[in-house]
Amino acid sequence: MRSLKLMIAATVLSLASLAAHAELVVIVNPKNPAANLTAEQVSALFLGTATTFPDGGAATLADQPESASIRGDFYQKATGRSVAQVKATWARLTFTGKGTPPKELKTDADVKAFVASDPKAIGYVDASSIDGSVKAVLKL
């Protein structure tokens, strides 16, 4: 009986671990000419060191809620920084007039709809959210 409980506990922990590390994708509007972006290019956009796509087109950034685990996963994977570090970066850029932080949206569906409606938009969602309304340019 005790070993059955341990097996169940191990299974639950494994499933929770898989859910916490879901595959993320960076998305753009299908009209965006970018076919693929590197993690460095995405990092530069989401840290405010770049404001345009590699082709020179302006970028409009879409972000997930600060409290969402996907946001922490994205920033760690794409930039190597925590949400707090990214927030501090954007606070400095905003204060000095050198940038505008990404637009914070409530859900994956909201990010996807925002990106689908704006040819200049870029955001990130769980891979399971992808459909024909957006184009994946980087898997994390």
Protein backbone atom coordinates (compact mmCIF):
# COMPACT_ATOMS: atom_id res chain seq x y z
CA MET A 1 0.00 0.00 0.00
CA ARG A 2 2.81 2.38 0.91
CA SER A 3 4.61 1.71 -2.39
CA LEU A 4 1.38 2.39 -4.32
CA LYS A 5 1.08 5.79 -2.60
CA LEU A 6 4.70 6.55 -3.47
CA MET A 7 4.13 5.58 -7.11
CA ILE A 8 1.05 7.80 -7.30
CA ALA A 9 2.92 10.70 -5.71
CA ALA A 10 5.81 10.28 -8.16
CA THR A 11 3.39 10.22 -11.10
CA VAL A 12 1.63 13.38 -9.93
CA LEU A 13 4.97 15.16 -9.52
CA SER A 14 6.09 14.07 -12.99
CA LEU A 15 2.89 15.35 -14.57
CA ALA A 16 3.18 18.65 -12.70
CA SER A 17 6.76 18.99 -13.91
CA LEU A 18 5.71 18.41 -17.52
CA ALA A 19 2.95 21.00 -17.24
CA ALA A 20 5.36 23.53 -15.78
CA HIS A 21 7.73 23.08 -18.72
CA ALA A 22 5.32 23.28 -21.62
CA GLU A 23 6.73 24.23 -24.98
CA LEU A 24 6.50 27.93 -25.72
CA VAL A 25 6.40 29.50 -29.15
CA VAL A 26 7.06 33.04 -30.24
CA ILE A 27 4.40 34.13 -32.70
CA VAL A 28 3.97 36.85 -35.29
CA ASN A 29 1.23 37.84 -37.67
CA PRO A 30 1.13 35.67 -40.82
CA LYS A 31 1.77 38.83 -42.90
CA ASN A 32 5.09 39.40 -41.12
CA PRO A 33 7.93 38.46 -43.50
CA ALA A 34 9.98 36.85 -40.69
CA ALA A 35 10.08 33.09 -41.15
CA ASN A 36 12.29 32.37 -38.15
CA LEU A 37 13.80 34.41 -35.34
CA THR A 38 16.66 33.50 -33.06
CA ALA A 39 16.44 33.62 -29.28
CA GLU A 40 18.89 36.55 -29.42
CA GLN A 41 16.61 38.51 -31.75
CA VAL A 42 13.57 37.82 -29.58
CA SER A 43 15.55 38.72 -26.46
CA ALA A 44 16.61 42.05 -27.98
CA LEU A 45 12.99 42.91 -28.78
CA PHE A 46 11.60 41.91 -25.37
CA LEU A 47 14.44 43.66 -23.49
CA GLY A 48 14.07 46.87 -25.48
CA THR A 49 17.50 46.82 -27.13
CA ALA A 50 15.84 46.41 -30.54
CA THR A 51 12.59 47.95 -31.71
CA THR A 52 12.40 46.44 -35.18
CA PHE A 53 12.32 43.01 -36.76
CA PRO A 54 15.43 41.92 -38.68
CA ASP A 55 13.81 43.19 -41.91
CA GLY A 56 13.52 46.67 -40.37
CA GLY A 57 9.80 46.63 -39.65
CA ALA A 58 8.68 48.10 -36.33
CA ALA A 59 7.65 45.60 -33.66
CA THR A 60 4.66 45.80 -31.31
CA LEU A 61 5.23 43.56 -28.27
CA ALA A 62 2.53 41.49 -26.57
CA ASP A 63 3.19 40.05 -23.11
CA GLN A 64 1.44 37.62 -20.78
CA PRO A 65 0.27 38.66 -17.28
CA GLU A 66 3.05 39.18 -14.75
CA SER A 67 1.52 36.50 -12.51
CA ALA A 68 1.39 33.85 -15.27
CA SER A 69 4.00 31.08 -15.08
CA ILE A 70 4.37 31.17 -18.87
CA ARG A 71 5.81 34.68 -18.55
CA GLY A 72 8.57 33.54 -16.21
CA ASP A 73 9.31 30.55 -18.43
CA PHE A 74 9.47 32.74 -21.52
CA TYR A 75 11.83 35.34 -20.07
CA GLN A 76 14.10 32.69 -18.58
CA LYS A 77 14.30 30.75 -21.84
CA ALA A 78 14.47 33.71 -24.24
CA THR A 79 16.55 36.19 -22.27
CA GLY A 80 18.10 34.29 -19.37
CA ARG A 81 16.51 36.79 -16.98
CA SER A 82 13.77 36.63 -14.38
CA VAL A 83 10.51 38.53 -14.65
CA ALA A 84 11.75 40.92 -11.93
CA GLN A 85 14.93 41.64 -13.87
CA VAL A 86 12.98 42.28 -17.07
CA LYS A 87 10.54 44.52 -15.20
CA ALA A 88 13.48 46.55 -13.84
CA THR A 89 14.91 46.87 -17.36
CA TRP A 90 11.63 48.19 -18.72
CA ALA A 91 11.22 50.57 -15.76
CA ARG A 92 14.62 52.09 -16.57
CA LEU A 93 13.86 52.33 -20.31
CA THR A 94 10.46 53.89 -19.67
CA PHE A 95 11.85 56.40 -17.14
CA THR A 96 14.56 57.53 -19.56
CA GLY A 97 12.10 57.73 -22.47
CA LYS A 98 13.95 55.05 -24.43
CA GLY A 99 11.18 52.49 -24.70
CA THR A 100 7.65 51.36 -24.10
CA PRO A 101 7.12 48.02 -22.37
CA PRO A 102 5.16 45.23 -24.04
CA LYS A 103 1.37 45.40 -23.90
CA GLU A 104 0.25 43.06 -21.13
CA LEU A 105 -2.68 40.86 -22.12
CA LYS A 106 -4.69 38.46 -19.95
CA THR A 107 -4.45 35.06 -21.66
CA ASP A 108 -2.84 33.06 -24.46
CA ALA A 109 -6.01 33.61 -26.47
CA ASP A 110 -5.73 37.39 -26.01
CA VAL A 111 -2.07 37.39 -27.08
CA LYS A 112 -2.89 35.26 -30.11
CA ALA A 113 -5.82 37.52 -31.10
CA PHE A 114 -3.68 40.65 -30.66
CA VAL A 115 -0.88 39.23 -32.82
CA ALA A 116 -3.36 37.98 -35.42
CA SER A 117 -4.85 41.48 -35.71
CA ASP A 118 -1.58 43.45 -36.06
CA PRO A 119 1.03 42.72 -38.76
CA LYS A 120 3.72 44.35 -36.55
CA ALA A 121 2.90 42.33 -33.42
CA ILE A 122 5.01 39.69 -31.73
CA GLY A 123 4.13 37.65 -28.65
CA TYR A 124 4.48 34.22 -27.11
CA VAL A 125 2.01 31.49 -26.21
CA ASP A 126 1.90 27.84 -25.24
CA ALA A 127 2.52 25.71 -28.34
CA SER A 128 -0.91 24.10 -27.96
CA SER A 129 -2.53 27.50 -28.70
CA ILE A 130 -1.13 27.79 -32.22
CA ASP A 131 -3.47 27.81 -35.19
CA GLY A 132 -3.54 29.37 -38.66
CA SER A 133 -4.25 32.87 -37.35
CA VAL A 134 -0.58 33.32 -36.30
CA LYS A 135 2.84 32.14 -37.41
CA ALA A 136 5.37 30.49 -35.08
CA VAL A 137 8.89 31.89 -35.55
CA LEU A 138 10.73 30.36 -32.58
CA LYS A 139 10.16 27.38 -30.29
CA LEU A 140 11.52 27.59 -26.75
